[in-house]
PDB file of N, CA and C in Angstrom:
ATOM      1  N   MET A   1     118.781  98.072 107.343  1.00  0.00           N
ATOM      2  CA  MET A   1     120.096  97.016 108.030  1.00  0.00           C
ATOM      3  C   MET A   1     121.343  98.191 108.227  1.00  0.00           C
ATOM      4  N   LYS A   2     121.641  97.451 109.558  1.00  0.00           N
ATOM      5  CA  LYS A   2     122.980  98.095 110.005  1.00  0.00           C
ATOM      6  C   LYS A   2     123.824  97.078 110.111  1.00  0.00           C
ATOM      7  N   MET A   3     125.097  97.096 110.351  1.00  0.00           N
ATOM      8  CA  MET A   3     126.104  95.724 110.844  1.00  0.00           C
ATOM      9  C   MET A   3     127.247  96.306 111.727  1.00  0.00           C
ATOM     10  N   TYR A   4     127.020  95.890 113.098  1.00  0.00           N
ATOM     11  CA  TYR A   4     128.523  96.377 113.704  1.00  0.00           C
ATOM     12  C   TYR A   4     129.644  95.311 114.296  1.00  0.00           C
ATOM     13  N   PHE A   5     130.647  95.532 113.872  1.00  0.00           N
ATOM     14  CA  PHE A   5     131.767  94.343 113.582  1.00  0.00           C
ATOM     15  C   PHE A   5     132.425  94.157 114.612  1.00  0.00           C
ATOM     16  N   ARG A   6     132.538  92.973 115.632  1.00  0.00           N
ATOM     17  CA  ARG A   6     133.379  92.733 116.944  1.00  0.00           C
ATOM     18  C   ARG A   6     134.910  93.186 116.444  1.00  0.00           C
ATOM     19  N   THR A   7     135.352  92.304 115.553  1.00  0.00           N
ATOM     20  CA  THR A   7     137.077  92.810 115.443  1.00  0.00           C
ATOM     21  C   THR A   7     137.026  93.667 114.217  1.00  0.00           C
ATOM     22  N   ASP A   8     138.096  94.106 114.042  1.00  0.00           N
ATOM     23  CA  ASP A   8     138.377  95.004 112.933  1.00  0.00           C
ATOM     24  C   ASP A   8     138.425  93.929 111.548  1.00  0.00           C
ATOM     25  N   TYR A   9     137.849  94.397 110.468  1.00  0.00           N
ATOM     26  CA  TYR A   9     137.521  93.871 109.079  1.00  0.00           C
ATOM     27  C   TYR A   9     138.385  94.402 108.112  1.00  0.00           C
ATOM     28  N   TYR A  10     139.126  93.710 107.445  1.00  0.00           N
ATOM     29  CA  TYR A  10     139.815  94.655 106.425  1.00  0.00           C
ATOM     30  C   TYR A  10     139.351  94.184 104.660  1.00  0.00           C
ATOM     31  N   ALA A  11     138.857  95.054 103.823  1.00  0.00           N
ATOM     32  CA  ALA A  11     138.184  94.468 102.440  1.00  0.00           C
ATOM     33  C   ALA A  11     138.914  95.027 101.312  1.00  0.00           C
ATOM     34  N   ASP A  12     138.890  93.988 100.262  1.00  0.00           N
ATOM     35  CA  ASP A  12     139.670  94.517  99.720  1.00  0.00           C
ATOM     36  C   ASP A  12     139.083  95.144  98.512  1.00  0.00           C
ATOM     37  N   VAL A  13     139.579  95.974  97.972  1.00  0.00           N
ATOM     38  CA  VAL A  13     138.397  97.315  97.230  1.00  0.00           C
ATOM     39  C   VAL A  13     139.208  97.196  96.033  1.00  0.00           C
ATOM     40  N   GLY A  14     140.423  96.671  95.332  1.00  0.00           N
ATOM     41  CA  GLY A  14     140.934  96.712  94.876  1.00  0.00           C
ATOM     42  C   GLY A  14     142.666  96.506  94.902  1.00  0.00           C
ATOM     43  N   ILE A  15     143.378  96.504  93.938  1.00  0.00           N
ATOM     44  CA  ILE A  15     144.661  95.849  93.635  1.00  0.00           C
ATOM     45  C   ILE A  15     145.304  96.618  94.789  1.00  0.00           C
ATOM     46  N   ASP A  16     146.131  95.868  95.638  1.00  0.00           N
ATOM     47  CA  ASP A  16     147.039  96.452  96.839  1.00  0.00           C
ATOM     48  C   ASP A  16     146.213  97.587  97.366  1.00  0.00           C
ATOM     49  N   GLU A  17     145.038  97.313  97.618  1.00  0.00           N
ATOM     50  CA  GLU A  17     143.896  98.532  98.231  1.00  0.00           C
ATOM     51  C   GLU A  17     143.121  97.552  99.199  1.00  0.00           C
ATOM     52  N   VAL A  18     142.927  97.929 100.299  1.00  0.00           N
ATOM     53  CA  VAL A  18     142.222  97.890 101.380  1.00  0.00           C
ATOM     54  C   VAL A  18     141.739  98.799 102.227  1.00  0.00           C
ATOM     55  N   VAL A  19     140.331  98.309 102.824  1.00  0.00           N
ATOM     56  CA  VAL A  19     139.598  99.441 103.658  1.00  0.00           C
ATOM     57  C   VAL A  19     139.589  99.065 104.980  1.00  0.00           C
ATOM     58  N   ARG A  20     139.751  99.480 106.322  1.00  0.00           N
ATOM     59  CA  ARG A  20     139.470  99.029 107.752  1.00  0.00           C
ATOM     60  C   ARG A  20     137.965  99.628 108.367  1.00  0.00           C
ATOM     61  N   LEU A  21     137.296  98.481 108.291  1.00  0.00           N
ATOM     62  CA  LEU A  21     136.331  98.428 108.956  1.00  0.00           C
ATOM     63  C   LEU A  21     136.382  98.225 110.445  1.00  0.00           C
ATOM     64  N   GLN A  22     135.947  99.430 111.387  1.00  0.00           N
ATOM     65  CA  GLN A  22     136.306  99.337 112.869  1.00  0.00           C
ATOM     66  C   GLN A  22     135.929  98.735 113.014  1.00  0.00           C
ATOM     67  N   ARG A  23     136.558  98.089 114.332  1.00  0.00           N
ATOM     68  CA  ARG A  23     135.578  97.114 115.366  1.00  0.00           C
ATOM     69  C   ARG A  23     134.807  98.336 116.535  1.00  0.00           C
ATOM     70  N   GLY A  24     133.139  97.806 116.935  1.00  0.00           N
ATOM     71  CA  GLY A  24     132.570  98.953 117.799  1.00  0.00           C
ATOM     72  C   GLY A  24     131.906 100.049 116.598  1.00  0.00           C
ATOM     73  N   ILE A  25     132.187  99.958 115.547  1.00  0.00           N
ATOM     74  CA  ILE A  25     131.293 101.332 114.837  1.00  0.00           C
ATOM     75  C   ILE A  25     130.375 100.363 114.035  1.00  0.00           C
ATOM     76  N   THR A  26     129.147 101.223 113.795  1.00  0.00           N
ATOM     77  CA  THR A  26     127.941 100.751 113.212  1.00  0.00           C
ATOM     78  C   THR A  26     127.991 101.066 111.624  1.00  0.00           C
ATOM     79  N   TYR A  27     128.001 100.535 110.628  1.00  0.00           N
ATOM     80  CA  TYR A  27     127.669 100.631 109.373  1.00  0.00           C
ATOM     81  C   TYR A  27     126.563 100.394 108.613  1.00  0.00           C
ATOM     82  N   GLU A  28     126.141 101.587 107.968  1.00  0.00           N
ATOM     83  CA  GLU A  28     124.820 100.838 107.151  1.00  0.00           C
ATOM     84  C   GLU A  28     125.106  99.918 105.621  1.00  0.00           C
ATOM     85  N   VAL A  29     123.832  99.029 105.880  1.00  0.00           N
ATOM     86  CA  VAL A  29     124.104  98.282 104.722  1.00  0.00           C
ATOM     87  C   VAL A  29     122.773  98.406 103.711  1.00  0.00           C
ATOM     88  N   VAL A  30     123.603  99.218 102.663  1.00  0.00           N
ATOM     89  CA  VAL A  30     122.678  99.719 101.266  1.00  0.00           C
ATOM     90  C   VAL A  30     121.863  98.983 100.975  1.00  0.00           C
ATOM     91  N   SER A  31     122.375  97.684 100.462  1.00  0.00           N
ATOM     92  CA  SER A  31     122.028  96.358  99.794  1.00  0.00           C
ATOM     93  C   SER A  31     122.144  94.844  99.932  1.00  0.00           C
ATOM     94  N   GLU A  32     121.765  93.946  99.682  1.00  0.00           N
ATOM     95  CA  GLU A  32     122.229  92.521  99.834  1.00  0.00           C
ATOM     96  C   GLU A  32     122.091  92.008  98.721  1.00  0.00           C
ATOM     97  N   THR A  33     123.397  91.026  98.419  1.00  0.00           N
ATOM     98  CA  THR A  33     122.746  89.882  96.994  1.00  0.00           C
ATOM     99  C   THR A  33     123.126  88.700  97.956  1.00  0.00           C
ATOM    100  N   GLU A  34     122.338  87.641  97.028  1.00  0.00           N
ATOM    101  CA  GLU A  34     122.919  86.136  98.170  1.00  0.00           C
ATOM    102  C   GLU A  34     124.385  85.748  98.477  1.00  0.00           C
ATOM    103  N   PHE A  35     125.233  86.340  97.466  1.00  0.00           N
ATOM    104  CA  PHE A  35     126.571  86.545  98.173  1.00  0.00           C
ATOM    105  C   PHE A  35     127.351  87.682  98.887  1.00  0.00           C
ATOM    106  N   PHE A  36     127.096  88.962  98.846  1.00  0.00           N
ATOM    107  CA  PHE A  36     127.616  89.936  99.294  1.00  0.00           C
ATOM    108  C   PHE A  36     126.010  90.808 100.134  1.00  0.00           C
ATOM    109  N   TYR A  37     127.177  91.429 100.638  1.00  0.00           N
ATOM    110  CA  TYR A  37     126.669  93.096 101.345  1.00  0.00           C
ATOM    111  C   TYR A  37     127.584  93.995 100.747  1.00  0.00           C
ATOM    112  N   PHE A  38     127.115  95.568 100.694  1.00  0.00           N
ATOM    113  CA  PHE A  38     127.082  96.548 100.254  1.00  0.00           C
ATOM    114  C   PHE A  38     127.196  97.400 101.477  1.00  0.00           C
ATOM    115  N   ILE A  39     128.144  97.966 102.020  1.00  0.00           N
ATOM    116  CA  ILE A  39     128.245  98.733 103.244  1.00  0.00           C
ATOM    117  C   ILE A  39     128.817 100.302 102.769  1.00  0.00           C
ATOM    118  N   VAL A  40     128.055 101.219 103.022  1.00  0.00           N
ATOM    119  CA  VAL A  40     128.631 102.882 103.360  1.00  0.00           C
ATOM    120  C   VAL A  40     129.708 102.639 104.355  1.00  0.00           C
ATOM    121  N   THR A  41     130.878 103.464 104.129  1.00  0.00           N
ATOM    122  CA  THR A  41     132.147 103.453 104.732  1.00  0.00           C
ATOM    123  C   THR A  41     132.484 105.281 104.890  1.00  0.00           C
ATOM    124  N   ASP A  42     130.847 105.810 105.116  1.00  0.00           N
ATOM    125  CA  ASP A  42     131.130 107.440 105.352  1.00  0.00           C
ATOM    126  C   ASP A  42     132.219 107.731 106.264  1.00  0.00           C
ATOM    127  N   ASN A  43     131.925 107.154 107.241  1.00  0.00           N
ATOM    128  CA  ASN A  43     132.291 107.181 108.449  1.00  0.00           C
ATOM    129  C   ASN A  43     134.084 106.935 108.862  1.00  0.00           C
ATOM    130  N   GLU A  44     134.790 106.006 107.238  1.00  0.00           N
ATOM    131  CA  GLU A  44     136.035 106.317 107.219  1.00  0.00           C
ATOM    132  C   GLU A  44     136.921 107.030 106.509  1.00  0.00           C
ATOM    133  N   SER A  45     138.160 107.024 106.219  1.00  0.00           N
ATOM    134  CA  SER A  45     138.881 107.907 105.508  1.00  0.00           C
ATOM    135  C   SER A  45     139.016 107.327 104.150  1.00  0.00           C
ATOM    136  N   PHE A  46     138.346 106.352 104.056  1.00  0.00           N
ATOM    137  CA  PHE A  46     138.762 105.764 102.778  1.00  0.00           C
ATOM    138  C   PHE A  46     137.628 106.443 102.036  1.00  0.00           C
ATOM    139  N   ARG A  47     138.034 107.126 100.829  1.00  0.00           N
ATOM    140  CA  ARG A  47     136.859 107.873  99.695  1.00  0.00           C
ATOM    141  C   ARG A  47     137.240 107.424  98.686  1.00  0.00           C
ATOM    142  N   LYS A  48     136.306 106.723  98.568  1.00  0.00           N
ATOM    143  CA  LYS A  48     136.104 106.360  96.591  1.00  0.00           C
ATOM    144  C   LYS A  48     134.300 106.876  96.570  1.00  0.00           C
ATOM    145  N   MET A  49     134.500 106.659  95.171  1.00  0.00           N
ATOM    146  CA  MET A  49     132.896 107.200  94.870  1.00  0.00           C
ATOM    147  C   MET A  49     131.547 106.263  95.493  1.00  0.00           C
ATOM    148  N   LEU A  50     131.215 106.971  96.143  1.00  0.00           N
ATOM    149  CA  LEU A  50     129.729 106.624  96.685  1.00  0.00           C
ATOM    150  C   LEU A  50     130.196 106.145  97.932  1.00  0.00           C
ATOM    151  N   ASN A  51     131.596 106.295  98.545  1.00  0.00           N
ATOM    152  CA  ASN A  51     131.509 105.186  99.586  1.00  0.00           C
ATOM    153  C   ASN A  51     131.183 103.945 100.512  1.00  0.00           C
ATOM    154  N   ILE A  52     131.067 103.205  99.089  1.00  0.00           N
ATOM    155  CA  ILE A  52     130.736 101.613  99.402  1.00  0.00           C
ATOM    156  C   ILE A  52     131.785 100.332  98.858  1.00  0.00           C
ATOM    157  N   VAL A  53     131.683  99.869 100.034  1.00  0.00           N
ATOM    158  CA  VAL A  53     132.570  98.259 100.090  1.00  0.00           C
ATOM    159  C   VAL A  53     131.462  97.293 100.127  1.00  0.00           C
ATOM    160  N   MET A  54     131.958  96.401  98.673  1.00  0.00           N
ATOM    161  CA  MET A  54     131.221  94.949  99.078  1.00  0.00           C
ATOM    162  C   MET A  54     131.913  94.060  99.831  1.00  0.00           C
ATOM    163  N   ILE A  55     131.241  93.361 100.484  1.00  0.00           N
ATOM    164  CA  ILE A  55     131.727  92.199 100.865  1.00  0.00           C
ATOM    165  C   ILE A  55     131.266  90.553 101.106  1.00  0.00           C
ATOM    166  N   PRO A  56     131.940  89.756 100.994  1.00  0.00           N
ATOM    167  CA  PRO A  56     131.133  88.563 101.109  1.00  0.00           C
ATOM    168  C   PRO A  56     130.947  88.001 102.091  1.00  0.00           C
ATOM    169  N   LYS A  57     129.536  87.831 102.149  1.00  0.00           N
ATOM    170  CA  LYS A  57     128.410  87.366 103.148  1.00  0.00           C
ATOM    171  C   LYS A  57     129.687  85.887 104.108  1.00  0.00           C
ATOM    172  N   GLU A  58     130.275  85.182 103.102  1.00  0.00           N
ATOM    173  CA  GLU A  58     131.214  84.223 104.015  1.00  0.00           C
ATOM    174  C   GLU A  58     131.991  84.582 104.817  1.00  0.00           C
ATOM    175  N   ASP A  59     132.723  85.667 104.137  1.00  0.00           N
ATOM    176  CA  ASP A  59     133.777  86.218 105.361  1.00  0.00           C
ATOM    177  C   ASP A  59     133.289  86.335 106.861  1.00  0.00           C
ATOM    178  N   LEU A  60     132.036  86.888 107.023  1.00  0.00           N
ATOM    179  CA  LEU A  60     131.366  87.506 108.141  1.00  0.00           C
ATOM    180  C   LEU A  60     130.923  86.745 108.954  1.00  0.00           C
ATOM    181  N   GLU A  61     131.417  85.257 108.888  1.00  0.00           N
ATOM    182  CA  GLU A  61     130.374  84.517 109.632  1.00  0.00           C
ATOM    183  C   GLU A  61     130.423  84.477 111.127  1.00  0.00           C
ATOM    184  N   ASP A  62     132.375  84.848 111.799  1.00  0.00           N
ATOM    185  CA  ASP A  62     132.081  85.327 113.096  1.00  0.00           C
ATOM    186  C   ASP A  62     132.206  86.602 113.616  1.00  0.00           C
ATOM    187  N   ASP A  63     132.624  87.241 112.751  1.00  0.00           N
ATOM    188  CA  ASP A  63     133.054  88.895 112.807  1.00  0.00           C
ATOM    189  C   ASP A  63     132.201  90.536 112.359  1.00  0.00           C
ATOM    190  N   VAL A  64     130.849  89.869 112.957  1.00  0.00           N
ATOM    191  CA  VAL A  64     129.682  90.698 112.612  1.00  0.00           C
ATOM    192  C   VAL A  64     128.561  90.675 113.582  1.00  0.00           C
ATOM    193  N   TYR A  65     127.728  91.428 114.023  1.00  0.00           N
ATOM    194  CA  TYR A  65     126.560  91.469 114.468  1.00  0.00           C
ATOM    195  C   TYR A  65     125.826  91.932 113.384  1.00  0.00           C
ATOM    196  N   VAL A  66     124.324  91.495 113.076  1.00  0.00           N
ATOM    197  CA  VAL A  66     123.514  92.629 112.499  1.00  0.00           C
ATOM    198  C   VAL A  66     122.345  92.537 112.695  1.00  0.00           C
ATOM    199  N   VAL A  67     122.158  93.583 112.771  1.00  0.00           N
ATOM    200  CA  VAL A  67     121.116  94.792 113.223  1.00  0.00           C
ATOM    201  C   VAL A  67     120.261  94.871 112.751  1.00  0.00           C
ATOM    202  N   THR A  68     118.698  94.175 112.813  1.00  0.00           N
ATOM    203  CA  THR A  68     117.548  94.682 111.833  1.00  0.00           C
ATOM    204  C   THR A  68     116.836  95.067 112.635  1.00  0.00           C
ATOM    205  N   GLY A  69     115.596  95.566 111.932  1.00  0.00           N
ATOM    206  CA  GLY A  69     114.513  96.330 112.017  1.00  0.00           C
ATOM    207  C   GLY A  69     114.449  97.569 113.396  1.00  0.00           C
ATOM    208  N   LYS A  70     113.806  97.851 113.617  1.00  0.00           N
ATOM    209  CA  LYS A  70     113.741  99.424 113.973  1.00  0.00           C
ATOM    210  C   LYS A  70     113.900  99.546 115.840  1.00  0.00           C
ATOM    211  N   SER A  71     114.065  97.723 116.155  1.00  0.00           N
ATOM    212  CA  SER A  71     114.551  98.076 117.725  1.00  0.00           C
ATOM    213  C   SER A  71     116.347  97.738 117.944  1.00  0.00           C
ATOM    214  N   GLU A  72     116.439  97.981 116.817  1.00  0.00           N
ATOM    215  CA  GLU A  72     117.993  98.095 117.225  1.00  0.00           C
ATOM    216  C   GLU A  72     118.599  97.178 117.993  1.00  0.00           C
ATOM    217  N   LYS A  73     118.194  96.468 118.410  1.00  0.00           N
ATOM    218  CA  LYS A  73     118.797  94.598 118.695  1.00  0.00           C
ATOM    219  C   LYS A  73     119.860  94.491 118.197  1.00  0.00           C
ATOM    220  N   LEU A  74     120.757  93.841 118.931  1.00  0.00           N
ATOM    221  CA  LEU A  74     121.888  93.057 118.060  1.00  0.00           C
ATOM    222  C   LEU A  74     121.974  91.831 117.890  1.00  0.00           C
ATOM    223  N   GLU A  75     122.227  90.947 116.784  1.00  0.00           N
ATOM    224  CA  GLU A  75     121.337  89.750 116.983  1.00  0.00           C
ATOM    225  C   GLU A  75     123.168  89.054 116.278  1.00  0.00           C
ATOM    226  N   GLU A  76     123.486  88.617 116.914  1.00  0.00           N
ATOM    227  CA  GLU A  76     124.825  87.546 116.356  1.00  0.00           C
ATOM    228  C   GLU A  76     124.461  86.533 115.157  1.00  0.00           C
ATOM    229  N   GLY A  77     125.486  86.973 114.006  1.00  0.00           N
ATOM    230  CA  GLY A  77     125.320  85.986 113.148  1.00  0.00           C
ATOM    231  C   GLY A  77     125.874  86.718 111.650  1.00  0.00           C
ATOM    232  N   GLY A  78     126.946  85.654 110.790  1.00  0.00           N
ATOM    233  CA  GLY A  78     127.325  86.645 109.731  1.00  0.00           C
ATOM    234  C   GLY A  78     126.313  86.725 108.884  1.00  0.00           C
ATOM    235  N   GLY A  79     125.452  85.847 108.098  1.00  0.00           N
ATOM    236  CA  GLY A  79     124.909  86.102 107.007  1.00  0.00           C
ATOM    237  C   GLY A  79     123.513  86.152 107.430  1.00  0.00           C
ATOM    238  N   ALA A  80     122.855  85.694 108.764  1.00  0.00           N
ATOM    239  CA  ALA A  80     121.792  84.893 109.176  1.00  0.00           C
ATOM    240  C   ALA A  80     121.275  86.267 109.579  1.00  0.00           C
ATOM    241  N   ILE A  81     120.172  86.304 108.495  1.00  0.00           N
ATOM    242  CA  ILE A  81     119.074  87.480 109.291  1.00  0.00           C
ATOM    243  C   ILE A  81     117.802  87.152 109.672  1.00  0.00           C
TER     244      ILE A  81
END
C-alpha cells in the first residue's frame, strides 16, 4: 500500500524532532496496526534506522489519499481502506 499526502504532514519522531512528509510525494506503507501506519521515508532527508515513521491513523483523516492494490487508483480517506 502507498500513501499520497495532499498537504505537508509533520510527524513527531522524538523529543524536539520531526520529519516532514511532503505534499505530492508517494510513500510506501510497510505495515499497519489498528491505530498506526508505518511509512518508509527513504526519499526524505530524515535518516534514522530503517527510515520508518509511525503515524497515528486518527491524524490522517483529511491529509492523505490511500493507494491500494495494483490499479494505483487514488482513493480518498484517512484511515479507511
